[in-house]
Amino acid sequence: MKGCFDDFHRLMLKTHYQHYEFLSGQIASLEVEIQKRMEPYQSEIQGLMTIPGVDRIVAWCWIGELGTDMSVFPDADHCASWAGLSPGSCESAGMQLSRHTKKGNKYVRRILTQAAWAASHCKDGYLWAFFHRVRARRGWGRAIFALAHKILVIAYSILKTGIPYQELGGDYFDKLHPERTAKRLVHRLEKLGLHVAVTPISEANPQIQ
């Protein structure tokens, strides 16, 4: 590596590295303390961590900010509104006047947005499919926000019912409306100049009775 690196730069680099080590030590000691205080909520933490994209830090933040008793919220929509993860609803004569989100708990909103980003990179899962479905229509930013809202609703349900996350699979939406899926795929092939004839498997390979 070519460049100017004298005693002054060594001093500054040493200073920055010592500051980094100090902050890392502070973070480690705080995590140890948080871990001790979270011992009574291990079952809830494990339940939340069944959601793709949700790790120990996300679960800690949720419990620290919202607690584990979801009966304080009438439903998941109220919980999302409190957290600032519900889209604004200012509508007049069928015209949407504003799409700005309401103010809420910025810590919950930030950590769930990070969880949504992580979930969007988990291949072949329901949340991954949900993210790409929304992104195709509304763009990356709104898809991340919608996924964060979806994770909040799932987390609310887990803490309220005690039932962990159930993976529906990346092909959930394809199976939900198979005719639409087939029509869309045929249309894409036809745009490539291919003629497609779709035949159900049951008709193409009839079973011998």
Protein backbone atom coordinates (compact mmCIF):
# COMPACT_ATOMS: atom_id res chain seq x y z
CA MET A 1 0.00 0.00 0.00
CA LYS A 2 1.52 3.29 -1.10
CA GLY A 3 0.84 6.53 0.71
CA CYS A 4 1.83 8.85 3.52
CA PHE A 5 1.65 7.17 6.94
CA ASP A 6 3.77 8.82 9.64
CA ASP A 7 3.73 8.98 13.45
CA PHE A 8 0.69 11.28 13.48
CA HIS A 9 -1.39 8.79 11.49
CA ARG A 10 -0.24 5.94 13.75
CA LEU A 11 -1.33 7.95 16.80
CA MET A 12 -4.75 8.69 15.31
CA LEU A 13 -5.23 5.09 14.22
CA LYS A 14 -4.29 3.87 17.70
CA THR A 15 -6.70 6.37 19.27
CA HIS A 16 -9.60 5.32 17.03
CA TYR A 17 -8.89 1.64 17.67
CA GLN A 18 -8.83 2.16 21.45
CA HIS A 19 -12.14 4.01 21.19
CA TYR A 20 -13.56 1.12 19.15
CA GLU A 21 -12.42 -1.40 21.77
CA PHE A 22 -13.98 0.73 24.53
CA LEU A 23 -17.35 0.87 22.76
CA SER A 24 -17.23 -2.84 21.96
CA GLY A 25 -16.59 -3.59 25.62
CA GLN A 26 -19.49 -1.38 26.69
CA ILE A 27 -21.83 -3.11 24.23
CA ALA A 28 -20.71 -6.56 25.42
CA SER A 29 -21.23 -5.69 29.10
CA LEU A 30 -24.68 -4.24 28.39
CA GLU A 31 -25.69 -7.34 26.43
CA VAL A 32 -24.68 -9.51 29.39
CA GLU A 33 -26.90 -7.41 31.67
CA ILE A 34 -29.80 -7.48 29.20
CA GLN A 35 -29.44 -11.25 28.91
CA LYS A 36 -29.83 -11.59 32.70
CA ARG A 37 -32.90 -9.36 32.75
CA MET A 38 -34.47 -11.27 29.87
CA GLU A 39 -34.18 -14.69 31.56
CA PRO A 40 -37.85 -14.69 32.67
CA TYR A 41 -38.97 -14.22 29.05
CA GLN A 42 -37.04 -17.01 27.35
CA SER A 43 -40.15 -18.78 26.06
CA GLU A 44 -41.44 -15.56 24.47
CA ILE A 45 -38.01 -14.81 22.98
CA GLN A 46 -37.79 -18.29 21.47
CA GLY A 47 -41.27 -17.88 20.03
CA LEU A 48 -40.40 -14.54 18.42
CA MET A 49 -37.17 -15.97 17.00
CA THR A 50 -39.16 -18.50 14.96
CA ILE A 51 -40.02 -15.58 12.64
CA PRO A 52 -37.51 -15.27 9.76
CA GLY A 53 -35.37 -12.15 10.21
CA VAL A 54 -36.04 -11.91 13.95
CA ASP A 55 -33.00 -12.58 16.13
CA ARG A 56 -32.28 -12.20 19.83
CA ILE A 57 -31.71 -8.42 19.60
CA VAL A 58 -35.03 -7.86 17.81
CA ALA A 59 -36.85 -9.95 20.41
CA TRP A 60 -35.18 -8.03 23.24
CA CYS A 61 -36.18 -4.70 21.73
CA TRP A 62 -39.79 -5.85 21.28
CA ILE A 63 -40.10 -7.02 24.88
CA GLY A 64 -38.31 -3.95 26.21
CA GLU A 65 -40.60 -1.54 24.38
CA LEU A 66 -43.94 -3.37 24.11
CA GLY A 67 -43.72 -6.04 26.79
CA THR A 68 -45.22 -9.52 26.47
CA ASP A 69 -48.83 -8.82 27.46
CA MET A 70 -50.60 -8.06 24.19
CA SER A 71 -53.97 -7.67 25.91
CA VAL A 72 -53.09 -3.98 26.35
CA PHE A 73 -53.84 -3.60 22.62
CA PRO A 74 -57.37 -4.31 21.33
CA ASP A 75 -55.91 -5.93 18.20
CA ALA A 76 -52.82 -6.08 15.99
CA ASP A 77 -53.80 -2.91 14.12
CA HIS A 78 -53.73 -0.88 17.33
CA CYS A 79 -50.34 -2.37 18.16
CA ALA A 80 -49.04 -1.44 14.70
CA SER A 81 -50.40 2.08 15.06
CA TRP A 82 -48.68 2.51 18.43
CA ALA A 83 -45.41 1.33 16.91
CA GLY A 84 -45.76 3.68 13.94
CA LEU A 85 -46.06 0.88 11.40
CA SER A 86 -49.54 1.67 10.10
CA PRO A 87 -49.84 3.73 6.89
CA GLY A 88 -51.57 7.09 7.25
CA SER A 89 -55.19 7.06 6.15
CA CYS A 90 -56.16 10.48 4.89
CA GLU A 91 -58.75 9.91 2.19
CA SER A 92 -61.42 12.12 0.65
CA ALA A 93 -63.88 11.24 -2.12
CA GLY A 94 -61.88 8.10 -2.88
CA MET A 95 -58.63 10.05 -3.30
CA GLN A 96 -55.65 9.22 -1.13
CA LEU A 97 -54.30 12.55 0.13
CA SER A 98 -51.35 11.30 2.15
CA ARG A 99 -49.38 8.08 2.52
CA HIS A 100 -47.13 9.27 5.33
CA THR A 101 -46.91 6.90 8.25
CA LYS A 102 -48.07 7.94 11.68
CA LYS A 103 -45.58 8.76 14.43
CA GLY A 104 -44.94 5.94 16.86
CA ASN A 105 -42.23 4.16 18.80
CA LYS A 106 -39.14 4.85 16.70
CA TYR A 107 -37.14 2.07 18.36
CA VAL A 108 -39.67 -0.65 17.53
CA ARG A 109 -40.13 0.73 14.04
CA ARG A 110 -36.38 0.80 13.39
CA ILE A 111 -35.67 -2.70 14.71
CA LEU A 112 -38.61 -4.25 12.83
CA THR A 113 -37.50 -2.53 9.63
CA GLN A 114 -34.08 -4.13 10.10
CA ALA A 115 -35.78 -7.48 10.71
CA ALA A 116 -37.79 -6.99 7.50
CA TRP A 117 -34.60 -6.33 5.55
CA ALA A 118 -33.13 -9.57 6.92
CA ALA A 119 -36.32 -11.52 6.17
CA SER A 120 -36.33 -10.23 2.58
CA HIS A 121 -33.00 -12.04 2.09
CA CYS A 122 -34.26 -15.38 3.48
CA LYS A 123 -34.75 -17.46 0.35
CA ASP A 124 -37.92 -19.36 -0.45
CA GLY A 125 -40.18 -18.48 2.45
CA TYR A 126 -43.57 -16.85 2.90
CA LEU A 127 -42.12 -13.53 4.06
CA TRP A 128 -39.63 -13.52 1.19
CA ALA A 129 -42.47 -14.13 -1.27
CA PHE A 130 -44.60 -11.44 0.39
CA PHE A 131 -41.77 -8.89 0.09
CA HIS A 132 -41.20 -9.55 -3.63
CA ARG A 133 -44.93 -9.54 -4.30
CA VAL A 134 -45.29 -6.05 -2.79
CA ARG A 135 -42.03 -4.77 -4.29
CA ALA A 136 -43.23 -5.60 -7.81
CA ARG A 137 -46.21 -3.27 -7.35
CA ARG A 138 -45.05 -0.58 -4.92
CA GLY A 139 -41.26 -0.48 -4.89
CA TRP A 140 -38.52 -1.52 -2.48
CA GLY A 141 -39.13 1.03 0.29
CA ARG A 142 -42.84 0.36 0.70
CA ALA A 143 -42.23 -3.38 0.45
CA ILE A 144 -39.81 -3.23 3.40
CA PHE A 145 -42.34 -1.20 5.39
CA ALA A 146 -45.14 -3.63 4.53
CA LEU A 147 -42.95 -6.57 5.55
CA ALA A 148 -42.09 -4.87 8.86
CA HIS A 149 -45.84 -4.47 9.47
CA LYS A 150 -46.38 -8.13 8.61
CA ILE A 151 -43.67 -9.20 11.08
CA LEU A 152 -45.28 -7.06 13.78
CA VAL A 153 -48.66 -8.69 13.21
CA ILE A 154 -47.08 -12.16 13.39
CA ALA A 155 -45.15 -11.27 16.56
CA TYR A 156 -48.33 -9.91 18.14
CA SER A 157 -50.10 -13.18 17.37
CA ILE A 158 -47.26 -15.30 18.76
CA LEU A 159 -47.22 -13.43 22.07
CA LYS A 160 -51.02 -13.42 22.32
CA THR A 161 -51.58 -17.11 21.50
CA GLY A 162 -48.25 -18.73 22.37
CA ILE A 163 -48.20 -20.47 18.97
CA PRO A 164 -44.84 -20.12 17.13
CA TYR A 165 -44.51 -18.97 13.54
CA GLN A 166 -45.76 -21.49 10.98
CA GLU A 167 -43.92 -21.33 7.64
CA LEU A 168 -46.35 -21.28 4.70
CA GLY A 169 -43.67 -21.60 2.02
CA GLY A 170 -42.44 -19.41 -0.79
CA ASP A 171 -45.09 -20.77 -3.16
CA TYR A 172 -47.99 -19.80 -0.90
CA PHE A 173 -49.29 -17.03 -3.18
CA ASP A 174 -48.88 -19.20 -6.29
CA LYS A 175 -51.01 -21.91 -4.70
CA LEU A 176 -53.50 -19.37 -3.38
CA HIS A 177 -54.60 -18.49 -6.94
CA PRO A 178 -53.14 -21.18 -9.23
CA GLU A 179 -55.14 -20.03 -12.26
CA ARG A 180 -53.76 -16.51 -12.02
CA THR A 181 -50.23 -17.85 -11.57
CA ALA A 182 -50.51 -20.08 -14.65
CA LYS A 183 -51.98 -17.26 -16.72
CA ARG A 184 -49.19 -14.88 -15.70
CA LEU A 185 -46.45 -17.40 -16.51
CA VAL A 186 -47.99 -18.26 -19.88
CA HIS A 187 -48.21 -14.56 -20.70
CA ARG A 188 -44.51 -14.12 -19.92
CA LEU A 189 -43.57 -17.03 -22.19
CA GLU A 190 -45.74 -15.71 -24.99
CA LYS A 191 -43.95 -12.35 -24.75
CA LEU A 192 -40.75 -14.28 -25.49
CA GLY A 193 -42.31 -15.55 -28.71
CA LEU A 194 -43.21 -19.01 -27.45
CA HIS A 195 -46.52 -20.79 -27.96
CA VAL A 196 -47.68 -22.50 -24.79
CA ALA A 197 -50.36 -25.12 -24.30
CA VAL A 198 -51.21 -25.79 -20.67
CA THR A 199 -52.51 -29.22 -19.73
CA PRO A 200 -53.27 -30.29 -16.12
CA ILE A 201 -51.11 -33.20 -14.92
CA SER A 202 -54.21 -35.24 -14.11
CA GLU A 203 -55.27 -35.06 -17.77
CA ALA A 204 -51.81 -35.52 -19.28
CA ASN A 205 -51.06 -38.59 -17.13
CA PRO A 206 -54.35 -40.23 -16.20
CA GLN A 207 -54.01 -42.91 -13.53
CA ILE A 208 -55.05 -46.42 -14.42
CA GLN A 209 -57.89 -47.53 -12.20
